[in-house]
Amino acid sequence: MTDEWLSVSTPYLTPRGDPWAAEAARHGAVGKQRLVEVAELPAESDIAAALEIPCGAPVVVRRRVMLLGERPVELTDSHYPASLARGTGLAEPRRIRGGAVTLLAELGYRVEQVVEDVSAHNPTDEERERLDLRGGPVLQLVRRSLCAGKVFEVSVMRMTAVGRRLRYQLSV
């Protein structure tokens, strides 16, 4: 496994398989995810703003821990308007065959545009514990996925920063 981890968003936006497992395999490792929680909750202000819905409107959140081997390297929370997710696999506390991107495409929500914001911060106590951090900052990537100009998913990914590099490839 290499010391630097190069991550590209594009494979995570295409309906097919498990891009995390494939990315880890390219780095000579085993990538797994552990589903921690699936719940319907009132949208907090930042998630509501990102989804362009009223604060407190119901959202379905899927919380996962991304593992490299057995080591946690990323906390990923994906939020969906409850009106879209209710009655689908997104609202069920189980893995989704083919992944959420595949299910969303089957429901008519194919990613047409993505807005990603990347920032860094000192880890919270929860992040330090859940990511088993010894030091260094946490990178946070907030991804808004849009179809027909409407946001249908907001994912908040908090990851270990040491050795991580994010790459963006754009076609204009």
C-alpha atoms as a PDB file:
ATOM      1  CA  MET A   1       0.000   0.000   0.000  1.00  0.00           C
ATOM      2  CA  THR A   2       1.333   3.461  -0.897  1.00  0.00           C
ATOM      3  CA  ASP A   3       1.922   6.229   1.658  1.00  0.00           C
ATOM      4  CA  GLU A   4      -0.119   8.779  -0.309  1.00  0.00           C
ATOM      5  CA  TRP A   5      -3.780   8.112  -1.003  1.00  0.00           C
ATOM      6  CA  LEU A   6      -5.110   9.750  -4.171  1.00  0.00           C
ATOM      7  CA  SER A   7      -8.898   9.890  -4.256  1.00  0.00           C
ATOM      8  CA  VAL A   8     -11.035  10.872  -7.253  1.00  0.00           C
ATOM      9  CA  SER A   9     -14.780  11.534  -6.855  1.00  0.00           C
ATOM     10  CA  THR A  10     -15.962  10.445 -10.311  1.00  0.00           C
ATOM     11  CA  PRO A  11     -16.282   6.674  -9.615  1.00  0.00           C
ATOM     12  CA  TYR A  12     -18.515   7.455  -6.624  1.00  0.00           C
ATOM     13  CA  LEU A  13     -21.021   9.233  -8.885  1.00  0.00           C
ATOM     14  CA  THR A  14     -21.531   6.425 -11.393  1.00  0.00           C
ATOM     15  CA  PRO A  15     -24.076   3.642 -10.828  1.00  0.00           C
ATOM     16  CA  ARG A  16     -22.012   0.477 -10.373  1.00  0.00           C
ATOM     17  CA  GLY A  17     -20.754  -1.776  -7.609  1.00  0.00           C
ATOM     18  CA  ASP A  18     -18.696  -0.645  -4.633  1.00  0.00           C
ATOM     19  CA  PRO A  19     -16.272   2.140  -5.615  1.00  0.00           C
ATOM     20  CA  TRP A  20     -14.682   2.174  -2.134  1.00  0.00           C
ATOM     21  CA  ALA A  21     -13.680  -1.498  -2.398  1.00  0.00           C
ATOM     22  CA  ALA A  22     -12.321  -0.864  -5.907  1.00  0.00           C
ATOM     23  CA  GLU A  23     -10.355   2.226  -4.795  1.00  0.00           C
ATOM     24  CA  ALA A  24      -8.844   0.361  -1.848  1.00  0.00           C
ATOM     25  CA  ALA A  25      -7.903  -2.579  -4.089  1.00  0.00           C
ATOM     26  CA  ARG A  26      -6.038  -0.178  -6.431  1.00  0.00           C
ATOM     27  CA  HIS A  27      -3.981   0.783  -3.370  1.00  0.00           C
ATOM     28  CA  GLY A  28      -3.331  -2.846  -2.451  1.00  0.00           C
ATOM     29  CA  ALA A  29      -5.772  -2.884   0.459  1.00  0.00           C
ATOM     30  CA  VAL A  30      -9.244  -4.145   1.367  1.00  0.00           C
ATOM     31  CA  GLY A  31     -11.957  -1.493   1.603  1.00  0.00           C
ATOM     32  CA  LYS A  32     -15.114  -2.208   3.576  1.00  0.00           C
ATOM     33  CA  GLN A  33     -17.928  -0.142   4.984  1.00  0.00           C
ATOM     34  CA  ARG A  34     -19.882  -0.584   8.166  1.00  0.00           C
ATOM     35  CA  LEU A  35     -23.421   0.766   8.276  1.00  0.00           C
ATOM     36  CA  VAL A  36     -23.808   2.490  11.645  1.00  0.00           C
ATOM     37  CA  GLU A  37     -27.278   4.026  11.434  1.00  0.00           C
ATOM     38  CA  VAL A  38     -30.205   4.661   9.132  1.00  0.00           C
ATOM     39  CA  ALA A  39     -32.724   7.116  10.543  1.00  0.00           C
ATOM     40  CA  GLU A  40     -35.326   9.696   9.627  1.00  0.00           C
ATOM     41  CA  LEU A  41     -34.511  12.938  11.413  1.00  0.00           C
ATOM     42  CA  PRO A  42     -35.331  16.643  11.191  1.00  0.00           C
ATOM     43  CA  ALA A  43     -32.766  18.361   8.954  1.00  0.00           C
ATOM     44  CA  GLU A  44     -30.226  20.471  10.817  1.00  0.00           C
ATOM     45  CA  SER A  45     -29.717  23.959   9.399  1.00  0.00           C
ATOM     46  CA  ASP A  46     -26.557  23.176   7.383  1.00  0.00           C
ATOM     47  CA  ILE A  47     -28.054  20.023   5.824  1.00  0.00           C
ATOM     48  CA  ALA A  48     -31.378  21.770   5.141  1.00  0.00           C
ATOM     49  CA  ALA A  49     -29.544  24.624   3.403  1.00  0.00           C
ATOM     50  CA  ALA A  50     -27.474  22.172   1.332  1.00  0.00           C
ATOM     51  CA  LEU A  51     -30.580  20.177   0.329  1.00  0.00           C
ATOM     52  CA  GLU A  52     -32.499  23.427  -0.263  1.00  0.00           C
ATOM     53  CA  ILE A  53     -35.319  22.351   2.060  1.00  0.00           C
ATOM     54  CA  PRO A  54     -36.771  24.011   5.185  1.00  0.00           C
ATOM     55  CA  CYS A  55     -34.827  23.604   8.420  1.00  0.00           C
ATOM     56  CA  GLY A  56     -36.384  20.745  10.379  1.00  0.00           C
ATOM     57  CA  ALA A  57     -37.889  19.079   7.294  1.00  0.00           C
ATOM     58  CA  PRO A  58     -37.533  15.298   7.507  1.00  0.00           C
ATOM     59  CA  VAL A  59     -34.448  13.697   5.973  1.00  0.00           C
ATOM     60  CA  VAL A  60     -33.209  10.131   5.853  1.00  0.00           C
ATOM     61  CA  VAL A  61     -29.576   9.824   6.903  1.00  0.00           C
ATOM     62  CA  ARG A  62     -27.341   6.821   6.272  1.00  0.00           C
ATOM     63  CA  ARG A  63     -24.236   6.874   8.499  1.00  0.00           C
ATOM     64  CA  ARG A  64     -21.282   4.673   7.575  1.00  0.00           C
ATOM     65  CA  VAL A  65     -17.692   4.086   8.633  1.00  0.00           C
ATOM     66  CA  MET A  66     -15.294   3.404   5.784  1.00  0.00           C
ATOM     67  CA  LEU A  67     -12.624   0.895   6.725  1.00  0.00           C
ATOM     68  CA  LEU A  68      -9.246   0.200   5.179  1.00  0.00           C
ATOM     69  CA  GLY A  69      -8.715  -3.355   6.306  1.00  0.00           C
ATOM     70  CA  GLU A  70      -9.997  -3.054   9.873  1.00  0.00           C
ATOM     71  CA  ARG A  71      -8.842   0.562  10.337  1.00  0.00           C
ATOM     72  CA  PRO A  72     -11.482   3.346  10.185  1.00  0.00           C
ATOM     73  CA  VAL A  73     -10.427   6.082   7.739  1.00  0.00           C
ATOM     74  CA  GLU A  74     -13.627   7.958   6.944  1.00  0.00           C
ATOM     75  CA  LEU A  75     -17.020   8.774   8.440  1.00  0.00           C
ATOM     76  CA  THR A  76     -19.673   9.237   5.752  1.00  0.00           C
ATOM     77  CA  ASP A  77     -23.185  10.562   6.371  1.00  0.00           C
ATOM     78  CA  SER A  78     -25.501  10.718   3.353  1.00  0.00           C
ATOM     79  CA  HIS A  79     -28.713  12.739   3.648  1.00  0.00           C
ATOM     80  CA  TYR A  80     -31.798  12.494   1.417  1.00  0.00           C
ATOM     81  CA  PRO A  81     -35.120  14.330   1.538  1.00  0.00           C
ATOM     82  CA  ALA A  82     -37.514  11.923   3.271  1.00  0.00           C
ATOM     83  CA  SER A  83     -40.027  12.463   0.451  1.00  0.00           C
ATOM     84  CA  LEU A  84     -37.504  10.816  -1.907  1.00  0.00           C
ATOM     85  CA  ALA A  85     -36.124   8.127   0.447  1.00  0.00           C
ATOM     86  CA  ARG A  86     -39.212   6.845   2.280  1.00  0.00           C
ATOM     87  CA  GLY A  87     -40.322   3.439   1.075  1.00  0.00           C
ATOM     88  CA  THR A  88     -37.013   2.761  -0.692  1.00  0.00           C
ATOM     89  CA  GLY A  89     -33.846   0.903   0.257  1.00  0.00           C
ATOM     90  CA  LEU A  90     -32.363   4.265   1.308  1.00  0.00           C
ATOM     91  CA  ALA A  91     -34.582   4.204   4.404  1.00  0.00           C
ATOM     92  CA  GLU A  92     -33.848   0.592   5.329  1.00  0.00           C
ATOM     93  CA  PRO A  93     -31.086  -0.321   7.820  1.00  0.00           C
ATOM     94  CA  ARG A  94     -29.216  -2.609   5.437  1.00  0.00           C
ATOM     95  CA  ARG A  95     -26.676  -2.426   2.629  1.00  0.00           C
ATOM     96  CA  ILE A  96     -28.086  -1.453  -0.742  1.00  0.00           C
ATOM     97  CA  ARG A  97     -27.350  -3.922  -3.526  1.00  0.00           C
ATOM     98  CA  GLY A  98     -25.300  -2.038  -6.116  1.00  0.00           C
ATOM     99  CA  GLY A  99     -25.021   0.976  -3.797  1.00  0.00           C
ATOM    100  CA  ALA A 100     -27.109   4.086  -3.227  1.00  0.00           C
ATOM    101  CA  VAL A 101     -25.981   5.698  -6.505  1.00  0.00           C
ATOM    102  CA  THR A 102     -27.369   2.718  -8.449  1.00  0.00           C
ATOM    103  CA  LEU A 103     -30.663   2.764  -6.514  1.00  0.00           C
ATOM    104  CA  LEU A 104     -31.009   6.520  -6.987  1.00  0.00           C
ATOM    105  CA  ALA A 105     -30.446   6.135 -10.747  1.00  0.00           C
ATOM    106  CA  GLU A 106     -33.180   3.466 -10.833  1.00  0.00           C
ATOM    107  CA  LEU A 107     -35.463   5.974  -9.086  1.00  0.00           C
ATOM    108  CA  GLY A 108     -34.691   8.570 -11.792  1.00  0.00           C
ATOM    109  CA  TYR A 109     -32.015  10.517  -9.893  1.00  0.00           C
ATOM    110  CA  ARG A 110     -28.842  10.318 -11.982  1.00  0.00           C
ATOM    111  CA  VAL A 111     -26.091  12.696 -10.999  1.00  0.00           C
ATOM    112  CA  GLU A 112     -25.965  15.514 -13.550  1.00  0.00           C
ATOM    113  CA  GLN A 113     -24.062  18.053 -11.477  1.00  0.00           C
ATOM    114  CA  VAL A 114     -21.963  17.870  -8.326  1.00  0.00           C
ATOM    115  CA  VAL A 115     -20.836  20.624  -5.985  1.00  0.00           C
ATOM    116  CA  GLU A 116     -18.079  19.655  -3.548  1.00  0.00           C
ATOM    117  CA  ASP A 117     -16.668  21.774  -0.751  1.00  0.00           C
ATOM    118  CA  VAL A 118     -13.472  20.670   0.975  1.00  0.00           C
ATOM    119  CA  SER A 119     -12.250  22.029   4.286  1.00  0.00           C
ATOM    120  CA  ALA A 120      -9.986  20.948   7.133  1.00  0.00           C
ATOM    121  CA  HIS A 121     -10.475  21.192  10.866  1.00  0.00           C
ATOM    122  CA  ASN A 122      -9.083  19.863  14.111  1.00  0.00           C
ATOM    123  CA  PRO A 123     -10.893  16.639  14.978  1.00  0.00           C
ATOM    124  CA  THR A 124     -13.733  16.648  17.456  1.00  0.00           C
ATOM    125  CA  ASP A 125     -13.532  14.162  20.324  1.00  0.00           C
ATOM    126  CA  GLU A 126     -15.995  11.936  18.455  1.00  0.00           C
ATOM    127  CA  GLU A 127     -13.933  12.045  15.240  1.00  0.00           C
ATOM    128  CA  ARG A 128     -10.726  11.373  17.159  1.00  0.00           C
ATOM    129  CA  GLU A 129     -12.294   8.317  18.788  1.00  0.00           C
ATOM    130  CA  ARG A 130     -14.188   6.926  15.794  1.00  0.00           C
ATOM    131  CA  LEU A 131     -11.258   7.425  13.385  1.00  0.00           C
ATOM    132  CA  ASP A 132      -8.700   6.337  15.979  1.00  0.00           C
ATOM    133  CA  LEU A 133      -6.670   9.503  15.328  1.00  0.00           C
ATOM    134  CA  ARG A 134      -3.342  10.131  16.978  1.00  0.00           C
ATOM    135  CA  GLY A 135      -3.036  13.686  15.647  1.00  0.00           C
ATOM    136  CA  GLY A 136      -3.388  15.866  12.584  1.00  0.00           C
ATOM    137  CA  PRO A 137      -6.406  17.499  10.999  1.00  0.00           C
ATOM    138  CA  VAL A 138      -9.543  15.979   9.526  1.00  0.00           C
ATOM    139  CA  LEU A 139     -10.516  16.691   5.932  1.00  0.00           C
ATOM    140  CA  GLN A 140     -14.209  17.294   5.370  1.00  0.00           C
ATOM    141  CA  LEU A 141     -15.768  16.927   1.945  1.00  0.00           C
ATOM    142  CA  VAL A 142     -19.404  17.972   1.518  1.00  0.00           C
ATOM    143  CA  ARG A 143     -20.860  16.698  -1.754  1.00  0.00           C
ATOM    144  CA  ARG A 144     -24.160  17.961  -3.150  1.00  0.00           C
ATOM    145  CA  SER A 145     -25.553  15.807  -5.973  1.00  0.00           C
ATOM    146  CA  LEU A 146     -28.062  17.357  -8.363  1.00  0.00           C
ATOM    147  CA  CYS A 147     -30.439  16.077 -11.033  1.00  0.00           C
ATOM    148  CA  ALA A 148     -32.431  18.501 -13.209  1.00  0.00           C
ATOM    149  CA  GLY A 149     -31.061  21.350 -11.102  1.00  0.00           C
ATOM    150  CA  LYS A 150     -32.419  19.916  -7.827  1.00  0.00           C
ATOM    151  CA  VAL A 151     -30.279  18.634  -4.942  1.00  0.00           C
ATOM    152  CA  PHE A 152     -31.266  15.064  -4.044  1.00  0.00           C
ATOM    153  CA  GLU A 153     -28.342  13.959  -1.880  1.00  0.00           C
ATOM    154  CA  VAL A 154     -25.883  15.635   0.482  1.00  0.00           C
ATOM    155  CA  SER A 155     -22.977  13.552   1.735  1.00  0.00           C
ATOM    156  CA  VAL A 156     -20.649  14.727   4.473  1.00  0.00           C
ATOM    157  CA  MET A 157     -17.364  12.817   4.549  1.00  0.00           C
ATOM    158  CA  ARG A 158     -14.850  13.349   7.337  1.00  0.00           C
ATOM    159  CA  MET A 159     -11.569  11.595   6.702  1.00  0.00           C
ATOM    160  CA  THR A 160      -8.075  11.235   8.007  1.00  0.00           C
ATOM    161  CA  ALA A 161      -5.974  13.912   6.294  1.00  0.00           C
ATOM    162  CA  VAL A 162      -2.464  12.548   6.643  1.00  0.00           C
ATOM    163  CA  GLY A 163      -1.366  11.050   3.329  1.00  0.00           C
ATOM    164  CA  ARG A 164      -4.653  11.964   1.593  1.00  0.00           C
ATOM    165  CA  ARG A 165      -4.836  13.900  -1.666  1.00  0.00           C
ATOM    166  CA  LEU A 166      -8.073  14.726  -3.481  1.00  0.00           C
ATOM    167  CA  ARG A 167      -8.100  15.097  -7.266  1.00  0.00           C
ATOM    168  CA  TYR A 168     -10.731  16.820  -9.355  1.00  0.00           C
ATOM    169  CA  GLN A 169     -11.001  16.128 -13.071  1.00  0.00           C
ATOM    170  CA  LEU A 170     -13.331  18.477 -14.929  1.00  0.00           C
ATOM    171  CA  SER A 171     -14.654  18.512 -18.456  1.00  0.00           C
ATOM    172  CA  VAL A 172     -15.889  21.900 -19.633  1.00  0.00           C
END
